[in-house]
N, C-alpha and C. Protein backbone atom coordinates (compact mmCIF):
# COMPACT_ATOMS: atom_id res chain seq x y z
N UNK A 1 0.98 -1.24 -0.20
CA UNK A 1 0.12 0.17 0.04
C UNK A 1 0.64 1.31 -0.04
N UNK A 2 0.48 2.27 -0.95
CA UNK A 2 1.15 3.43 -0.65
C UNK A 2 0.76 4.39 0.37
N UNK A 3 2.06 5.18 1.08
CA UNK A 3 1.66 5.95 2.34
C UNK A 3 1.69 7.69 1.63
N UNK A 4 1.30 8.22 2.52
CA UNK A 4 1.44 9.74 2.08
C UNK A 4 2.49 10.09 2.69
N UNK A 5 3.39 9.75 2.32
CA UNK A 5 5.19 10.28 2.86
C UNK A 5 5.48 11.84 3.18
N UNK A 6 4.69 12.63 2.77
CA UNK A 6 4.76 13.58 2.78
C UNK A 6 4.62 14.50 4.54
N UNK A 7 4.48 13.30 5.36
CA UNK A 7 4.27 13.50 6.89
C UNK A 7 6.17 13.42 7.43
N UNK A 8 6.96 13.30 6.74
CA UNK A 8 7.97 12.91 7.09
C UNK A 8 9.10 14.35 6.87
N UNK A 9 10.76 13.71 6.42
CA UNK A 9 11.45 15.20 6.74
C UNK A 9 11.70 15.27 5.21
N UNK A 10 11.36 14.89 4.27
CA UNK A 10 11.97 15.74 2.86
C UNK A 10 10.79 15.78 1.80
N UNK A 11 11.18 15.21 0.37
CA UNK A 11 9.98 15.46 -0.59
C UNK A 11 10.22 14.09 -1.46
N UNK A 12 9.07 13.69 -1.58
CA UNK A 12 8.84 12.20 -2.34
C UNK A 12 8.18 12.45 -3.69
N UNK A 13 8.00 11.54 -4.82
CA UNK A 13 7.27 11.57 -5.68
C UNK A 13 5.89 11.64 -5.32
N UNK A 14 5.91 10.57 -4.30
CA UNK A 14 4.32 10.36 -3.80
C UNK A 14 3.69 10.87 -2.72
N UNK A 15 4.52 12.08 -2.45
CA UNK A 15 3.71 12.84 -1.38
C UNK A 15 2.60 13.51 -1.56
N UNK A 16 1.89 13.68 -0.84
CA UNK A 16 0.57 14.44 -0.97
C UNK A 16 0.44 15.71 -1.54
N UNK A 17 0.06 16.10 -2.53
CA UNK A 17 0.27 17.44 -2.85
C UNK A 17 -0.24 18.70 -2.16
N UNK A 18 -1.15 18.14 -1.30
CA UNK A 18 -2.21 19.22 -0.87
C UNK A 18 -1.76 19.38 0.77
N UNK A 19 -1.01 18.70 1.50
CA UNK A 19 -0.75 18.30 2.78
C UNK A 19 0.31 19.22 3.29
N UNK A 20 -0.07 20.31 4.06
CA UNK A 20 0.93 21.23 4.21
C UNK A 20 1.02 21.42 6.24
N UNK A 21 2.21 22.42 6.24
CA UNK A 21 2.30 22.45 7.74
C UNK A 21 1.15 23.64 7.93
N UNK A 22 0.77 23.54 9.24
CA UNK A 22 -0.21 24.58 9.34
C UNK A 22 0.65 25.66 10.17
N UNK A 23 1.18 26.80 9.76
CA UNK A 23 1.97 27.92 10.02
C UNK A 23 1.84 28.55 11.35
N UNK A 24 2.49 28.35 12.56
CA UNK A 24 2.11 28.98 13.88
C UNK A 24 1.94 30.73 13.75
N UNK A 25 1.26 30.98 14.80
CA UNK A 25 0.57 32.40 14.28
C UNK A 25 2.09 33.41 14.56
N UNK A 26 2.56 32.71 15.79
CA UNK A 26 3.77 34.05 15.89
C UNK A 26 4.73 33.85 15.02
N UNK A 27 4.88 32.85 14.21
CA UNK A 27 5.97 32.80 12.88
C UNK A 27 5.26 33.53 11.46
N UNK A 28 3.88 33.32 11.68
CA UNK A 28 3.75 34.40 9.94
C UNK A 28 3.47 35.84 10.73
N UNK A 29 3.18 35.96 12.00
CA UNK A 29 3.67 37.94 12.15
C UNK A 29 4.87 38.10 12.03
N UNK A 30 5.78 37.46 12.15
CA UNK A 30 7.10 37.77 12.78
C UNK A 30 8.58 37.72 11.20
N UNK A 31 7.57 36.72 10.43
CA UNK A 31 8.73 36.47 9.27
C UNK A 31 8.17 36.26 8.33
N UNK A 32 9.11 36.19 6.91
CA UNK A 32 8.45 36.57 5.49
C UNK A 32 8.90 35.36 5.05
N UNK A 33 7.98 34.73 3.81
CA UNK A 33 7.89 33.37 3.58
C UNK A 33 9.17 33.56 2.62
N UNK A 34 10.23 32.55 1.95
CA UNK A 34 10.92 32.53 1.01
C UNK A 34 10.29 31.77 0.22
N UNK A 35 10.01 32.05 -1.30
CA UNK A 35 9.64 31.38 -2.15
C UNK A 35 10.06 30.10 -2.84
N UNK A 36 9.96 28.75 -2.60
CA UNK A 36 10.61 27.49 -3.16
C UNK A 36 10.10 27.24 -4.49
N UNK A 37 11.27 27.24 -5.39
CA UNK A 37 10.81 27.52 -6.89
C UNK A 37 11.97 26.81 -7.42
N UNK A 38 11.43 25.74 -8.67
CA UNK A 38 12.32 24.64 -9.42
C UNK A 38 12.63 23.69 -8.51
N UNK A 39 11.86 23.28 -7.65
CA UNK A 39 12.26 22.16 -6.80
C UNK A 39 11.41 20.94 -7.31
N UNK A 40 12.36 19.90 -7.93
CA UNK A 40 11.72 18.52 -8.41
C UNK A 40 11.38 18.01 -7.29
N UNK A 41 9.84 16.81 -7.69
CA UNK A 41 9.47 15.72 -6.74
C UNK A 41 10.55 14.70 -6.16
N UNK A 42 11.62 14.48 -7.25
CA UNK A 42 12.54 13.52 -7.07
C UNK A 42 13.61 13.66 -6.31
N UNK A 43 14.24 12.90 -5.46
CA UNK A 43 15.47 13.20 -4.67
C UNK A 43 16.25 11.50 -5.10
N UNK A 44 17.19 11.68 -4.68
CA UNK A 44 18.60 10.81 -4.71
C UNK A 44 19.86 11.28 -5.10
N UNK A 45 20.33 10.11 -5.17
CA UNK A 45 22.00 10.34 -5.99
C UNK A 45 21.88 10.94 -7.40
N UNK A 46 20.68 10.09 -8.44
CA UNK A 46 20.60 10.45 -9.75
C UNK A 46 19.75 11.69 -9.88
N UNK A 47 19.12 12.41 -9.04
CA UNK A 47 17.96 13.31 -9.45
C UNK A 47 18.84 14.87 -9.39
N UNK A 48 18.33 15.81 -9.95
CA UNK A 48 18.84 17.30 -10.12
C UNK A 48 18.18 17.69 -8.70
N UNK A 49 18.78 18.08 -7.54
CA UNK A 49 17.87 18.39 -6.76
C UNK A 49 18.11 20.17 -6.27
N UNK A 50 18.54 20.59 -7.52
CA UNK A 50 18.95 21.95 -7.54
C UNK A 50 17.31 22.42 -7.12
N UNK A 51 17.18 24.07 -6.39
CA UNK A 51 16.28 24.85 -6.20
C UNK A 51 16.33 25.97 -5.58
N UNK A 52 15.65 26.78 -6.14
CA UNK A 52 15.26 28.24 -5.31
C UNK A 52 14.61 28.44 -4.25
N UNK A 53 15.54 28.76 -3.61
CA UNK A 53 15.31 29.85 -1.99
C UNK A 53 14.89 30.82 -1.82
N UNK A 54 14.20 31.60 -2.43
CA UNK A 54 13.98 33.06 -2.19
C UNK A 54 14.78 33.70 -3.08
N UNK A 55 15.82 34.16 -2.60
CA UNK A 55 17.42 34.94 -3.42
C UNK A 55 18.22 34.05 -3.28
N UNK A 56 17.96 32.77 -2.70
CA UNK A 56 19.35 32.22 -3.00
C UNK A 56 18.99 30.81 -3.85
N UNK A 57 20.08 30.11 -3.93
CA UNK A 57 19.76 29.39 -4.76
C UNK A 57 20.75 27.94 -4.19
N UNK A 58 20.06 26.68 -4.32
CA UNK A 58 20.51 25.23 -3.75
C UNK A 58 21.01 24.55 -4.72
N UNK A 59 22.40 24.36 -4.55
CA UNK A 59 22.72 23.96 -6.18
C UNK A 59 23.87 22.48 -5.43
N UNK A 60 24.33 21.92 -6.29
CA UNK A 60 25.41 21.03 -5.63
C UNK A 60 25.22 19.78 -4.70
N UNK A 61 23.97 19.43 -4.87
CA UNK A 61 23.41 18.28 -4.03
C UNK A 61 24.22 17.14 -4.22
N UNK A 62 25.07 16.40 -2.85
CA UNK A 62 26.08 15.56 -3.42
C UNK A 62 25.40 14.45 -2.17
N UNK A 63 24.75 13.34 -2.64
CA UNK A 63 24.38 12.20 -1.98
C UNK A 63 25.48 11.24 -1.33
N UNK A 64 26.52 11.45 -2.09
CA UNK A 64 27.66 10.49 -1.47
C UNK A 64 28.64 11.09 -0.89
N UNK A 65 28.53 11.91 -0.36
CA UNK A 65 29.25 13.15 0.44
C UNK A 65 29.60 12.38 1.79
N UNK A 66 30.89 12.09 2.29
CA UNK A 66 31.21 10.68 3.48
C UNK A 66 31.12 11.80 4.69
N UNK A 67 30.44 11.51 5.55
CA UNK A 67 30.13 12.36 6.64
C UNK A 67 31.23 12.10 7.60
N UNK A 68 32.21 11.45 7.62
CA UNK A 68 33.25 10.55 8.15
C UNK A 68 34.49 11.63 8.53
N UNK A 69 34.32 12.58 7.28
CA UNK A 69 35.45 12.89 7.01
C UNK A 69 35.32 15.01 7.43
N UNK A 70 34.32 14.91 8.68
CA UNK A 70 34.06 16.39 8.90
C UNK A 70 33.97 15.98 10.43
N UNK A 71 34.14 17.04 11.17
CA UNK A 71 34.00 16.80 12.67
C UNK A 71 32.53 16.71 12.75
N UNK A 72 32.13 16.47 14.39
CA UNK A 72 30.67 16.42 14.71
C UNK A 72 29.47 17.89 14.47
N UNK A 73 28.45 17.72 14.81
CA UNK A 73 27.95 18.55 14.68
C UNK A 73 27.08 18.46 15.84
N UNK A 74 27.74 20.22 16.41
CA UNK A 74 27.07 20.03 18.28
C UNK A 74 27.15 18.88 18.97
N UNK A 75 26.59 18.09 19.50
CA UNK A 75 26.49 17.24 20.61
C UNK A 75 26.50 15.77 19.55
N UNK A 76 26.76 15.75 18.54
CA UNK A 76 27.09 14.53 17.64
C UNK A 76 28.20 14.04 18.05
N UNK A 77 28.65 12.63 17.68
CA UNK A 77 29.66 11.94 17.59
C UNK A 77 29.72 11.92 16.69
N UNK A 78 31.13 11.99 15.84
CA UNK A 78 31.19 11.84 14.84
C UNK A 78 31.74 10.48 13.94
N UNK A 79 32.13 9.55 15.44
CA UNK A 79 32.72 8.16 15.21
C UNK A 79 31.39 7.54 14.93
N UNK A 80 30.07 7.96 14.96
CA UNK A 80 29.18 7.35 14.88
C UNK A 80 28.04 7.76 14.04
N UNK A 81 28.74 9.00 13.03
CA UNK A 81 27.72 9.47 12.05
C UNK A 81 27.87 8.27 10.78
N UNK A 82 26.62 8.21 10.30
CA UNK A 82 26.18 7.20 9.01
C UNK A 82 25.91 8.30 7.76
N UNK A 83 26.97 8.06 6.80
CA UNK A 83 26.36 8.35 5.65
C UNK A 83 26.59 9.81 5.38
N UNK A 84 25.62 10.41 4.63
CA UNK A 84 25.75 11.94 5.14
C UNK A 84 25.50 12.65 3.56
N UNK A 85 25.14 13.74 3.04
CA UNK A 85 24.92 14.68 2.00
C UNK A 85 25.52 16.01 2.10
N UNK A 86 25.90 16.54 1.00
CA UNK A 86 26.51 17.86 1.12
C UNK A 86 25.55 18.62 -0.05
N UNK A 87 25.91 19.88 0.33
CA UNK A 87 24.99 21.16 -1.00
C UNK A 87 25.68 22.60 -0.59
N UNK A 88 25.30 23.17 -1.44
CA UNK A 88 25.97 25.06 -1.32
C UNK A 88 24.60 25.55 -1.41
N UNK A 89 24.32 27.01 -0.97
CA UNK A 89 23.52 27.95 -0.59
C UNK A 89 24.29 29.33 -1.52
N UNK A 90 23.77 30.01 -2.46
CA UNK A 90 24.19 30.72 -2.99
C UNK A 90 23.45 32.09 -3.22
N UNK A 91 23.88 33.15 -3.10
CA UNK A 91 22.96 34.09 -3.59
C UNK A 91 22.76 35.26 -2.39
N UNK A 92 22.36 36.27 -2.47
CA UNK A 92 21.97 37.46 -1.71
C UNK A 92 23.34 37.78 -1.08
N UNK A 93 24.66 37.87 -1.69
CA UNK A 93 26.01 38.07 -1.18
C UNK A 93 26.68 36.87 -0.04
N UNK A 94 25.60 35.78 -0.51
CA UNK A 94 26.45 34.41 0.30
C UNK A 94 26.75 33.44 -0.28
N UNK A 95 27.92 32.88 0.21
CA UNK A 95 28.22 31.61 -0.44
C UNK A 95 28.64 30.32 0.66
N UNK A 96 27.83 29.74 0.83
CA UNK A 96 28.00 28.74 2.01
C UNK A 96 28.23 27.09 1.19
N UNK A 97 28.47 26.63 2.15
CA UNK A 97 28.62 25.16 1.83
C UNK A 97 28.51 24.39 2.80
N UNK A 98 27.34 23.72 2.46
CA UNK A 98 26.51 22.88 3.78
C UNK A 98 26.44 21.26 3.76
N UNK A 99 26.60 20.65 4.72
CA UNK A 99 26.67 19.32 5.08
C UNK A 99 25.26 18.59 6.21
N UNK A 100 25.01 17.95 6.16
CA UNK A 100 23.99 16.95 6.69
C UNK A 100 24.55 15.44 7.43
N UNK A 101 24.43 14.80 8.36
CA UNK A 101 24.26 13.70 8.89
C UNK A 101 23.90 13.12 9.99
N UNK A 102 23.56 12.23 10.08
CA UNK A 102 22.55 11.42 10.90
C UNK A 102 23.91 10.46 12.13
N UNK A 103 23.61 10.41 13.18
CA UNK A 103 24.36 9.62 13.89
C UNK A 103 23.71 8.20 14.40
N UNK A 104 23.80 7.19 14.09
CA UNK A 104 23.13 6.24 14.21
C UNK A 104 22.92 5.50 15.64
N UNK A 105 21.91 4.74 15.84
CA UNK A 105 21.41 4.69 17.06
C UNK A 105 21.62 2.95 17.15
N UNK A 106 21.62 2.15 15.74
CA UNK A 106 22.21 1.03 15.90
C UNK A 106 22.89 0.40 14.28
N UNK A 107 23.38 -0.32 13.92
CA UNK A 107 24.03 -0.23 12.62
C UNK A 107 22.48 -0.40 11.44
N UNK A 108 22.92 0.46 10.35
CA UNK A 108 21.95 0.81 9.50
C UNK A 108 22.47 1.18 8.09
N UNK A 109 21.45 1.41 7.41
CA UNK A 109 21.89 1.63 6.17
C UNK A 109 22.47 3.26 6.19
N UNK A 110 23.14 3.96 5.11
CA UNK A 110 23.37 5.48 5.26
C UNK A 110 22.44 6.18 4.91
N UNK A 111 22.47 7.51 5.08
CA UNK A 111 21.68 8.53 4.98
C UNK A 111 20.91 8.47 3.27
N UNK A 112 21.76 7.84 2.48
CA UNK A 112 21.65 8.35 1.10
C UNK A 112 20.30 7.15 0.77
N UNK A 113 20.29 5.85 1.15
CA UNK A 113 19.17 4.87 1.30
C UNK A 113 17.91 5.14 1.83
N UNK A 114 17.60 6.79 2.73
CA UNK A 114 16.39 7.12 2.95
C UNK A 114 15.70 6.65 4.38
N UNK A 115 16.54 7.03 5.44
CA UNK A 115 16.11 6.42 6.74
C UNK A 115 15.97 7.27 7.61
N UNK A 116 14.46 6.96 8.81
CA UNK A 116 13.83 8.09 9.28
C UNK A 116 14.56 7.82 10.72
N UNK A 117 13.96 9.12 12.01
CA UNK A 117 14.30 8.87 13.14
C UNK A 117 13.46 7.91 13.40
N UNK A 118 14.38 7.65 15.10
CA UNK A 118 13.47 6.69 15.52
C UNK A 118 14.55 5.25 16.17
N UNK A 119 14.41 4.20 15.50
CA UNK A 119 15.02 2.74 15.92
C UNK A 119 16.10 2.94 15.42
N UNK A 120 16.52 3.73 14.18
CA UNK A 120 17.89 3.47 13.50
C UNK A 120 18.70 4.74 13.87
N UNK A 121 17.81 5.98 13.87
CA UNK A 121 18.87 7.28 13.86
C UNK A 121 18.64 8.29 15.10
N UNK A 122 19.21 8.15 15.69
CA UNK A 122 19.21 8.83 16.74
C UNK A 122 19.51 10.52 16.85
N UNK A 123 20.38 10.88 16.27
CA UNK A 123 20.02 12.48 15.74
C UNK A 123 19.95 12.40 14.29
N UNK A 124 20.09 13.73 13.86
CA UNK A 124 20.20 14.52 12.39
C UNK A 124 20.58 15.83 12.79
N UNK A 125 22.25 16.01 11.89
CA UNK A 125 22.92 17.51 12.33
C UNK A 125 23.23 18.08 10.69
N UNK A 126 23.19 19.10 10.88
CA UNK A 126 23.39 20.10 9.56
C UNK A 126 24.58 21.03 10.10
N UNK A 127 25.34 21.79 9.21
CA UNK A 127 26.35 22.64 9.66
C UNK A 127 26.58 23.57 7.98
N UNK A 128 26.43 24.72 8.17
CA UNK A 128 26.70 25.69 7.12
C UNK A 128 28.00 26.73 7.20
N UNK A 129 28.93 26.48 6.35
CA UNK A 129 30.10 27.75 6.60
C UNK A 129 30.76 27.99 5.24
N UNK A 130 31.33 29.02 5.55
CA UNK A 130 32.31 29.65 4.99
C UNK A 130 33.92 30.10 5.24
N UNK A 131 34.40 30.89 4.53
CA UNK A 131 35.61 30.80 5.47
C UNK A 131 35.97 31.90 6.66
N UNK A 132 34.54 32.00 6.94
CA UNK A 132 34.72 33.36 8.20
C UNK A 132 33.61 32.98 9.01
N UNK A 133 32.95 31.56 9.26
CA UNK A 133 31.95 31.16 10.19
C UNK A 133 31.36 30.18 9.76
N UNK A 134 30.57 29.79 10.74
CA UNK A 134 30.36 28.53 10.94
C UNK A 134 28.89 28.31 11.65
N UNK A 135 27.40 27.74 11.09
CA UNK A 135 26.57 27.51 11.94
C UNK A 135 25.84 26.10 11.72
N UNK A 136 25.22 25.82 12.64
CA UNK A 136 24.98 24.26 12.81
C UNK A 136 23.63 24.12 13.54
N UNK A 137 22.71 22.79 13.06
CA UNK A 137 21.75 22.93 14.13
C UNK A 137 21.82 21.13 13.86
N UNK A 138 21.29 20.64 14.81
CA UNK A 138 20.92 19.33 14.73
C UNK A 138 20.00 19.02 15.89
N UNK A 139 18.94 17.80 15.68
CA UNK A 139 18.05 17.72 16.22
C UNK A 139 17.87 16.03 16.64
N UNK A 140 17.28 15.81 17.82
CA UNK A 140 17.27 14.34 18.56
C UNK A 140 15.77 14.31 18.52
N UNK A 141 15.58 12.79 19.06
CA UNK A 141 13.90 12.35 19.48
C UNK A 141 14.19 12.54 21.14
N UNK A 142 13.33 13.76 21.18
CA UNK A 142 13.26 13.79 22.61
C UNK A 142 12.48 13.03 23.87
N UNK A 143 11.09 12.83 23.28
CA UNK A 143 10.26 11.80 23.27
C UNK A 143 9.19 11.30 22.46
N UNK A 144 9.27 10.31 22.11
CA UNK A 144 8.73 9.51 21.42
C UNK A 144 8.93 10.08 19.66
N UNK A 145 7.97 10.69 19.41
CA UNK A 145 8.23 11.38 18.08
C UNK A 145 8.23 12.69 18.16
N UNK A 146 8.72 13.46 19.03
CA UNK A 146 8.98 14.74 19.70
C UNK A 146 10.26 14.82 19.31
N UNK A 147 10.43 15.63 18.30
CA UNK A 147 12.19 16.22 17.90
C UNK A 147 12.48 17.57 18.38
N UNK A 148 13.82 17.79 19.11
CA UNK A 148 14.07 18.93 19.77
C UNK A 148 15.37 19.01 19.53
N UNK A 149 15.96 20.44 19.61
CA UNK A 149 17.53 20.62 19.10
C UNK A 149 18.23 21.82 19.27
N UNK A 150 18.96 22.43 18.68
CA UNK A 150 19.58 23.51 19.15
C UNK A 150 20.20 24.06 17.73
N UNK A 151 19.82 25.17 17.82
CA UNK A 151 21.00 26.07 16.64
C UNK A 151 21.76 27.15 17.12
N UNK A 152 22.99 27.04 16.44
CA UNK A 152 23.96 27.66 17.02
C UNK A 152 25.03 28.19 15.86
N UNK A 153 25.44 29.64 15.86
CA UNK A 153 26.41 30.23 15.02
C UNK A 153 26.83 31.46 16.04
N UNK A 154 27.78 31.95 15.13
CA UNK A 154 28.64 32.96 15.59
C UNK A 154 27.79 33.76 16.90
N UNK A 155 27.16 34.65 16.50
CA UNK A 155 26.17 35.34 17.12
C UNK A 155 24.96 35.03 18.14
N UNK A 156 24.59 33.75 17.61
CA UNK A 156 23.38 33.80 18.04
C UNK A 156 23.36 32.07 18.45
N UNK A 157 22.29 31.88 19.53
CA UNK A 157 21.71 30.10 20.14
C UNK A 157 20.53 30.12 20.31
N UNK A 158 19.72 28.97 19.86
CA UNK A 158 18.28 29.29 19.76
C UNK A 158 17.98 27.67 19.92
N UNK A 159 16.44 27.24 20.14
CA UNK A 159 15.83 26.09 20.39
C UNK A 159 15.45 25.77 19.10
N UNK A 160 15.56 24.36 18.79
CA UNK A 160 14.74 23.78 17.73
C UNK A 160 14.05 23.11 17.92
N UNK A 161 12.76 22.80 17.76
CA UNK A 161 11.94 22.03 17.74
C UNK A 161 10.61 21.35 16.58
N UNK A 162 9.97 20.41 16.90
CA UNK A 162 9.24 19.69 15.69
C UNK A 162 7.92 20.64 16.03
N UNK A 163 7.41 20.71 14.51
CA UNK A 163 6.06 21.34 14.72
C UNK A 163 4.95 20.08 14.05
N UNK A 164 3.76 19.98 14.51
CA UNK A 164 2.86 18.70 14.28
C UNK A 164 1.81 18.87 13.85
N UNK A 165 1.02 20.19 13.98
CA UNK A 165 0.17 20.63 13.26
C UNK A 165 0.03 20.74 11.72
N UNK A 166 -0.86 20.48 11.00
CA UNK A 166 -1.08 20.33 9.74
C UNK A 166 -2.42 21.40 9.40
N UNK A 167 -2.59 21.99 8.25
CA UNK A 167 -3.41 22.69 7.79
C UNK A 167 -4.96 21.93 7.70
N UNK A 168 -5.78 22.56 7.81
CA UNK A 168 -7.40 21.75 8.23
C UNK A 168 -7.16 20.29 8.50
N UNK A 169 -6.63 19.67 9.34
CA UNK A 169 -6.08 18.45 9.65
C UNK A 169 -5.79 18.32 11.11
N UNK A 170 -5.99 17.07 11.39
CA UNK A 170 -5.21 16.43 12.97
C UNK A 170 -3.82 16.78 12.84
N UNK A 171 -3.46 16.79 13.99
CA UNK A 171 -1.74 16.81 14.24
C UNK A 171 -1.33 15.33 13.72
N UNK A 172 -0.07 15.82 13.38
CA UNK A 172 0.67 14.29 12.55
C UNK A 172 1.28 13.49 13.86
N UNK A 173 1.57 12.60 13.68
CA UNK A 173 2.30 11.97 14.69
C UNK A 173 3.47 12.24 14.18
N UNK A 174 4.29 12.24 12.92
CA UNK A 174 5.72 12.92 12.28
C UNK A 174 5.77 14.32 12.25
N UNK A 175 6.69 15.00 12.57
CA UNK A 175 6.87 16.24 12.28
C UNK A 175 6.18 16.73 11.04
N UNK A 176 5.53 18.03 10.98
CA UNK A 176 5.68 18.48 9.80
C UNK A 176 6.43 19.34 8.94
N UNK A 177 6.77 20.19 10.26
CA UNK A 177 8.11 21.40 10.10
C UNK A 177 8.59 21.29 11.24
N UNK A 178 9.72 22.23 11.14
CA UNK A 178 10.18 22.37 12.34
C UNK A 178 10.58 24.36 12.66
N UNK A 179 10.67 24.87 14.10
CA UNK A 179 11.13 26.06 14.20
C UNK A 179 12.17 26.50 14.98
N UNK A 180 12.65 27.46 14.92
CA UNK A 180 13.85 28.27 15.47
C UNK A 180 13.76 29.20 16.35
N UNK A 181 13.68 29.16 17.39
CA UNK A 181 13.27 30.26 18.71
C UNK A 181 14.36 30.55 19.50
N UNK A 182 14.65 32.04 18.97
CA UNK A 182 15.59 32.67 20.21
C UNK A 182 15.30 32.73 21.34
N UNK A 183 15.84 33.60 21.98
CA UNK A 183 15.28 33.63 23.58
C UNK A 183 14.21 34.81 23.79
N UNK A 184 14.06 35.44 22.50
CA UNK A 184 13.19 37.08 22.59
C UNK A 184 12.11 36.65 21.25
N UNK A 185 12.61 36.21 20.19
CA UNK A 185 11.87 35.96 19.42
C UNK A 185 11.92 34.71 18.27
N UNK A 186 11.31 34.39 17.46
CA UNK A 186 11.55 33.36 16.70
C UNK A 186 12.60 33.70 15.48
N UNK A 187 12.83 32.64 14.95
CA UNK A 187 13.88 33.00 13.82
C UNK A 187 13.41 32.40 12.38
N UNK A 188 12.39 31.71 12.60
CA UNK A 188 11.48 31.07 11.42
C UNK A 188 11.31 29.69 11.49
N UNK A 189 10.56 29.20 10.55
CA UNK A 189 10.40 28.02 10.43
C UNK A 189 10.35 27.25 9.02
N UNK A 190 10.41 26.20 8.87
CA UNK A 190 10.17 25.62 7.52
C UNK A 190 9.32 24.41 7.79
N UNK A 191 8.66 24.02 6.64
CA UNK A 191 7.47 23.37 6.61
C UNK A 191 8.17 22.23 5.20
N UNK A 192 8.12 20.76 6.22
CA UNK A 192 8.98 19.79 5.34
C UNK A 192 7.85 18.89 4.44
N UNK A 193 6.87 19.25 4.64
CA UNK A 193 5.88 18.73 3.60
C UNK A 193 5.70 18.69 2.34
N UNK A 194 5.67 17.96 1.11
CA UNK A 194 5.27 17.90 0.00
C UNK A 194 6.82 18.77 -0.72
N UNK A 195 6.83 19.83 -1.33
CA UNK A 195 8.01 20.44 -2.02
C UNK A 195 8.91 21.69 -0.93
N UNK A 196 7.60 21.81 -0.05
CA UNK A 196 8.42 22.72 1.11
C UNK A 196 8.49 24.08 1.12
N UNK A 197 7.95 24.84 2.16
CA UNK A 197 7.87 26.31 2.47
C UNK A 197 9.14 26.69 3.48
N UNK A 198 9.54 27.79 3.20
CA UNK A 198 10.55 28.13 4.37
C UNK A 198 9.95 29.99 4.85
N UNK A 199 9.95 30.14 6.00
CA UNK A 199 9.84 31.33 6.41
C UNK A 199 11.00 31.94 7.71
N UNK A 200 11.34 32.69 7.35
CA UNK A 200 12.56 33.65 8.17
C UNK A 200 12.35 35.08 8.68
N UNK A 201 12.36 35.23 9.99
CA UNK A 201 12.22 36.28 10.45
C UNK A 201 12.78 37.68 9.92
N UNK A 202 11.90 38.87 9.73
CA UNK A 202 12.00 40.17 9.12
C UNK A 202 13.45 40.54 9.87
N UNK A 203 13.61 40.46 10.64
CA UNK A 203 14.56 41.10 11.87
C UNK A 203 15.89 40.55 11.00
N UNK A 204 16.14 39.38 10.46
CA UNK A 204 17.49 38.45 10.35
C UNK A 204 17.79 39.32 9.14
N UNK A 205 19.12 39.65 8.90
CA UNK A 205 19.90 40.22 7.76
C UNK A 205 21.25 39.69 7.48
N UNK A 206 21.63 39.66 5.91
CA UNK A 206 22.90 39.37 5.88
C UNK A 206 23.36 37.90 6.15
N UNK A 207 24.64 37.80 7.00
CA UNK A 207 24.69 36.52 7.06
C UNK A 207 23.96 35.89 8.18
N UNK A 208 23.32 36.42 8.85
CA UNK A 208 22.50 35.22 10.03
C UNK A 208 21.26 34.77 9.45
N UNK A 209 20.83 35.85 8.06
CA UNK A 209 19.39 35.28 7.56
C UNK A 209 20.14 34.32 6.73
N UNK A 210 21.16 34.28 5.62
CA UNK A 210 21.68 33.14 5.15
C UNK A 210 22.31 32.06 5.88
N UNK A 211 22.47 32.01 7.19
CA UNK A 211 22.45 30.88 7.65
C UNK A 211 21.49 30.08 8.31
N UNK A 212 19.92 30.74 8.49
CA UNK A 212 18.81 30.08 8.79
C UNK A 212 18.58 29.13 7.82
N UNK A 213 18.63 29.95 6.30
CA UNK A 213 18.01 29.69 5.19
C UNK A 213 19.05 28.01 4.60
N UNK A 214 20.25 28.59 4.85
CA UNK A 214 20.81 27.11 4.56
C UNK A 214 20.59 25.99 5.57
N UNK A 215 20.62 26.04 6.62
CA UNK A 215 20.23 25.04 7.52
C UNK A 215 18.95 24.56 7.12
N UNK A 216 17.47 25.37 6.84
CA UNK A 216 16.34 24.67 6.73
C UNK A 216 16.59 24.22 5.02
N UNK A 217 17.55 24.50 4.42
CA UNK A 217 17.67 24.12 3.17
C UNK A 217 18.24 22.10 3.62
N UNK A 218 19.14 22.37 4.33
CA UNK A 218 19.55 21.00 4.61
C UNK A 218 18.28 20.13 5.12
N UNK A 219 17.50 20.51 5.93
CA UNK A 219 16.28 19.81 6.46
C UNK A 219 15.49 19.53 5.59
N UNK A 220 15.17 20.50 4.16
CA UNK A 220 14.19 20.11 3.37
C UNK A 220 15.39 18.92 2.52
N UNK A 221 16.27 18.87 2.50
CA UNK A 221 16.88 18.19 1.75
C UNK A 221 17.23 16.54 2.39
N UNK A 222 16.66 15.89 3.38
CA UNK A 222 16.73 15.31 4.45
C UNK A 222 15.81 13.66 3.66
N UNK A 223 16.60 12.45 3.24
CA UNK A 223 15.28 11.70 2.55
C UNK A 223 14.56 11.22 3.52
N UNK A 224 13.49 10.62 3.00
CA UNK A 224 12.40 9.74 3.71
C UNK A 224 12.97 8.61 3.52
N UNK A 225 12.10 7.60 4.63
CA UNK A 225 12.42 6.44 4.74
C UNK A 225 11.67 5.86 3.37
N UNK A 226 12.74 4.56 2.96
CA UNK A 226 11.97 3.74 1.84
C UNK A 226 10.79 3.01 2.46
N UNK A 227 9.83 3.15 1.36
CA UNK A 227 8.68 2.20 1.41
C UNK A 227 8.91 0.72 1.13
N UNK A 228 8.55 0.31 2.21
CA UNK A 228 8.69 -1.84 2.22
C UNK A 228 7.88 -2.29 1.45
């Protein structure tokens, strides 16, 4: 039986076209949406995964990138990372390189095979950097299907947590998106259903804005579990 795979962390050709995350009211007021354009419904090593994200372009997605060659993301243990993917975000004066990887809870295939959180994956981490600085985000299952983590950059530190609400429907067991909240205000949110949507705080500018956009791109590129 085909399942509506749009309820997990990325895009699939079989995803429900109309399913969308319910945007939190405080995010909608404080943020502006960055339009996602020219994004294919296909993902994987042989697919062209380039897409537009507002003034930015996500390019050079590499599903064969080796996460063992990098340091750990936040609290992740690099000796336990499994697989990974890399990409680049360019535009609005930014040129950032991004990488994401998972930390395995038990032996499993790599992330290019499409694994979810739960019994096989303990954490998901992403990093975006250039020659002047680094920003990173990591998530882990806090309780059941509730995912939480941290965002850190040179000038900011914020809390990341899953959103489960859907437009016009009951809450989803899997996250429909994620939000980043600083101590005083939201930094933005990402809808990971379908082809995705992104909101970034109107107060963020320049490199801080690009950092958040890049890390949200990393979450949008995370692959779904394979259908069995």
